[in-house]
Protein backbone atom coordinates (compact mmCIF):
# COMPACT_ATOMS: atom_id res chain seq x y z
CA UNK A 1 71.71 -26.61 -14.28
CA UNK A 2 70.60 -23.13 -13.54
CA UNK A 3 67.30 -22.39 -11.73
CA UNK A 4 65.51 -19.27 -12.81
CA UNK A 5 62.88 -17.72 -10.58
CA UNK A 6 60.28 -16.58 -13.10
CA UNK A 7 57.26 -16.61 -10.84
CA UNK A 8 58.31 -14.10 -8.21
CA UNK A 9 58.02 -10.73 -9.95
CA UNK A 10 54.97 -11.37 -12.19
CA UNK A 11 53.20 -13.19 -9.38
CA UNK A 12 53.67 -10.27 -7.01
CA UNK A 13 52.19 -7.95 -9.62
CA UNK A 14 49.22 -10.31 -10.12
CA UNK A 15 48.54 -10.55 -6.40
CA UNK A 16 48.87 -6.82 -6.04
CA UNK A 17 46.25 -6.30 -8.75
CA UNK A 18 43.86 -8.82 -7.20
CA UNK A 19 44.25 -7.88 -3.56
CA UNK A 20 42.82 -4.37 -3.61
CA UNK A 21 42.17 -2.94 -0.20
CA UNK A 22 38.50 -2.94 0.77
CA UNK A 23 36.98 0.45 1.47
CA UNK A 24 36.58 1.17 5.13
CA UNK A 25 33.16 2.62 5.97
CA UNK A 26 32.80 4.80 8.98
CA UNK A 27 30.48 3.79 11.80
CA UNK A 28 27.72 6.20 10.74
CA UNK A 29 27.51 4.70 7.27
CA UNK A 30 27.45 1.14 8.61
CA UNK A 31 24.77 2.04 11.17
CA UNK A 32 22.68 3.80 8.53
CA UNK A 33 22.77 0.73 6.27
CA UNK A 34 21.90 -1.54 9.20
CA UNK A 35 18.99 0.70 10.19
CA UNK A 36 17.60 0.60 6.63
CA UNK A 37 17.80 -3.19 6.61
CA UNK A 38 16.09 -3.37 10.01
CA UNK A 39 13.34 -0.95 8.89
CA UNK A 40 12.71 -3.01 5.73
CA UNK A 41 12.58 -6.21 7.79
CA UNK A 42 10.13 -4.67 10.28
CA UNK A 43 7.92 -3.34 7.47
CA UNK A 44 7.89 -6.77 5.81
CA UNK A 45 6.98 -8.49 9.08
CA UNK A 46 4.25 -5.91 9.76
CA UNK A 47 2.68 -6.53 6.34
CA UNK A 48 2.76 -10.29 6.96
CA UNK A 49 1.13 -9.79 10.37
CA UNK A 50 -1.59 -7.53 8.84
CA UNK A 51 -2.34 -10.18 6.21
CA UNK A 52 -2.58 -12.87 8.89
CA UNK A 53 -4.90 -10.72 11.02
CA UNK A 54 -7.10 -9.96 8.01
CA UNK A 55 -7.27 -13.62 7.04
CA UNK A 56 -8.07 -14.58 10.66
CA UNK A 57 -10.83 -11.98 10.81
CA UNK A 58 -12.35 -13.24 7.55
CA UNK A 59 -12.19 -16.82 8.83
CA UNK A 60 -13.82 -15.87 12.13
CA UNK A 61 -16.53 -13.89 10.34
CA UNK A 62 -17.28 -16.87 8.07
CA UNK A 63 -17.24 -19.34 10.98
CA UNK A 64 -19.72 -17.24 12.97
CA UNK A 65 -21.91 -16.51 9.96
CA UNK A 66 -21.54 -12.74 10.19
CA UNK A 67 -22.73 -11.00 7.03
CA UNK A 68 -20.76 -8.34 5.20
CA UNK A 69 -21.49 -4.63 5.54
CA UNK A 70 -24.70 -3.63 3.72
CA UNK A 71 -24.90 -0.32 1.89
CA UNK A 72 -28.44 0.97 1.49
CA UNK A 73 -28.04 4.51 0.21
CA UNK A 74 -25.79 6.73 -1.83
CA UNK A 75 -23.12 8.44 0.19
CA UNK A 76 -19.43 8.35 0.99
CA UNK A 77 -18.58 5.58 3.43
CA UNK A 78 -15.49 5.95 5.58
CA UNK A 79 -13.01 3.11 5.55
CA UNK A 80 -11.25 1.63 8.59
CA UNK A 81 -8.19 3.49 9.88
CA UNK A 82 -5.61 1.22 8.22
CA UNK A 83 -6.58 2.74 4.83
CA UNK A 84 -4.68 6.03 4.55
CA UNK A 85 -4.51 8.73 1.91
CA UNK A 86 -1.20 8.32 0.05
CA UNK A 87 -0.82 12.10 -0.19
CA UNK A 88 -1.73 13.46 3.24
CA UNK A 89 -2.03 10.35 5.43
CA UNK A 90 -5.64 11.20 6.34
CA UNK A 91 -8.67 8.94 6.45
CA UNK A 92 -10.16 7.61 3.23
CA UNK A 93 -13.76 7.12 2.12
CA UNK A 94 -15.42 5.45 -0.84
CA UNK A 95 -18.66 5.36 -2.74
CA UNK A 96 -20.01 2.56 -4.91
CA UNK A 97 -21.15 3.51 -8.40
CA UNK A 98 -21.46 0.02 -9.88
CA UNK A 99 -22.29 -3.42 -8.48
CA UNK A 100 -23.62 -6.82 -9.46
CA UNK A 101 -27.40 -6.88 -9.18
CA UNK A 102 -27.34 -10.63 -8.49
CA UNK A 103 -24.89 -10.57 -5.58
CA UNK A 104 -24.65 -6.93 -4.53
CA UNK A 105 -20.85 -7.11 -4.75
CA UNK A 106 -19.26 -3.84 -5.93
CA UNK A 107 -17.46 -4.27 -9.24
CA UNK A 108 -13.80 -3.50 -9.73
CA UNK A 109 -13.71 -0.05 -11.24
CA UNK A 110 -17.13 0.76 -9.81
CA UNK A 111 -15.72 2.14 -6.57
CA UNK A 112 -14.66 5.75 -6.19
CA UNK A 113 -12.04 6.35 -3.49
CA UNK A 114 -11.23 9.76 -2.06
CA UNK A 115 -9.58 11.37 0.92
CA UNK A 116 -11.96 12.57 3.66
CA UNK A 117 -10.44 16.05 3.28
CA UNK A 118 -11.55 16.00 -0.37
CA UNK A 119 -15.01 14.79 0.64
CA UNK A 120 -15.34 17.69 3.08
CA UNK A 121 -14.15 20.15 0.41
CA UNK A 122 -16.67 18.71 -2.06
CA UNK A 123 -19.50 19.08 0.47
CA UNK A 124 -18.44 22.65 1.28
CA UNK A 125 -18.23 23.59 -2.41
CA UNK A 126 -21.61 22.05 -3.20
CA UNK A 127 -23.28 23.99 -0.38
CA UNK A 128 -21.58 27.22 -1.48
CA UNK A 129 -22.35 26.52 -5.17
CA UNK A 130 -18.66 26.80 -6.05
CA UNK A 131 -16.09 24.64 -7.76
CA UNK A 132 -14.14 22.52 -5.26
CA UNK A 133 -10.52 23.47 -4.60
CA UNK A 134 -8.90 20.07 -4.99
CA UNK A 135 -5.62 19.72 -3.15
CA UNK A 136 -4.87 16.10 -4.10
CA UNK A 137 -3.46 14.95 -7.42
CA UNK A 138 -4.56 11.31 -7.23
CA UNK A 139 -4.52 10.80 -10.98
CA UNK A 140 -0.75 11.43 -10.94
CA UNK A 141 0.24 9.16 -8.07
CA UNK A 142 0.90 5.42 -8.15
CA UNK A 143 0.06 5.33 -4.43
CA UNK A 144 -3.58 5.99 -5.31
CA UNK A 145 -3.77 3.05 -7.70
CA UNK A 146 -2.42 0.72 -5.03
CA UNK A 147 -4.93 2.14 -2.51
CA UNK A 148 -7.83 1.78 -4.96
CA UNK A 149 -6.94 -1.88 -5.58
CA UNK A 150 -6.81 -2.51 -1.80
CA UNK A 151 -10.21 -0.81 -1.34
CA UNK A 152 -11.68 -2.85 -4.21
CA UNK A 153 -10.49 -6.08 -2.57
CA UNK A 154 -11.86 -4.92 0.81
CA UNK A 155 -15.25 -4.07 -0.73
CA UNK A 156 -15.43 -7.33 -2.69
CA UNK A 157 -15.11 -9.35 0.51
CA UNK A 158 -16.80 -7.04 3.03
CA UNK A 159 -19.43 -4.86 1.29
CA UNK A 160 -22.76 -5.63 -0.38
CA UNK A 161 -25.10 -3.14 -1.97
CA UNK A 162 -28.78 -3.64 -1.23
CA UNK A 163 -31.09 -2.54 -4.02
CA UNK A 164 -34.43 -1.24 -2.84
CA UNK A 165 -36.54 -3.37 -5.20
CA UNK A 166 -34.90 -6.75 -4.51
């Protein structure tokens, strides 16, 4: 009886095809990838911490019976520092155009949000009787929509409009 070795050559070719060498990344590339993962992790943890702080503040305000902010006149109100312009990183302000007469809560879509730099340009242009020179393109940026939604949520839980006749 003759023994034929049929597995040796084809098997070596199969293993050779399967066992491709892994690419070796240099240290800079590995560090860069690690830094991006760390930055994403830190950003995620920071957002979680902000949400916890906000929830804790709301709880404490409710527990102590502190009322929300009351708006009594028409003007631009500046928001806290953690609201930033998505285009220039500056402070942001808002005005309320529409609210519930029963509760005084601003309606979604009834809040106009703008950068403080735009507000100052609008004031300057109105005093000079000129058209404002807008620098921001907030209708073209998704960052503005996210900011507007955040401001609407903030106003719904923290702002009430007081009507003079009520």
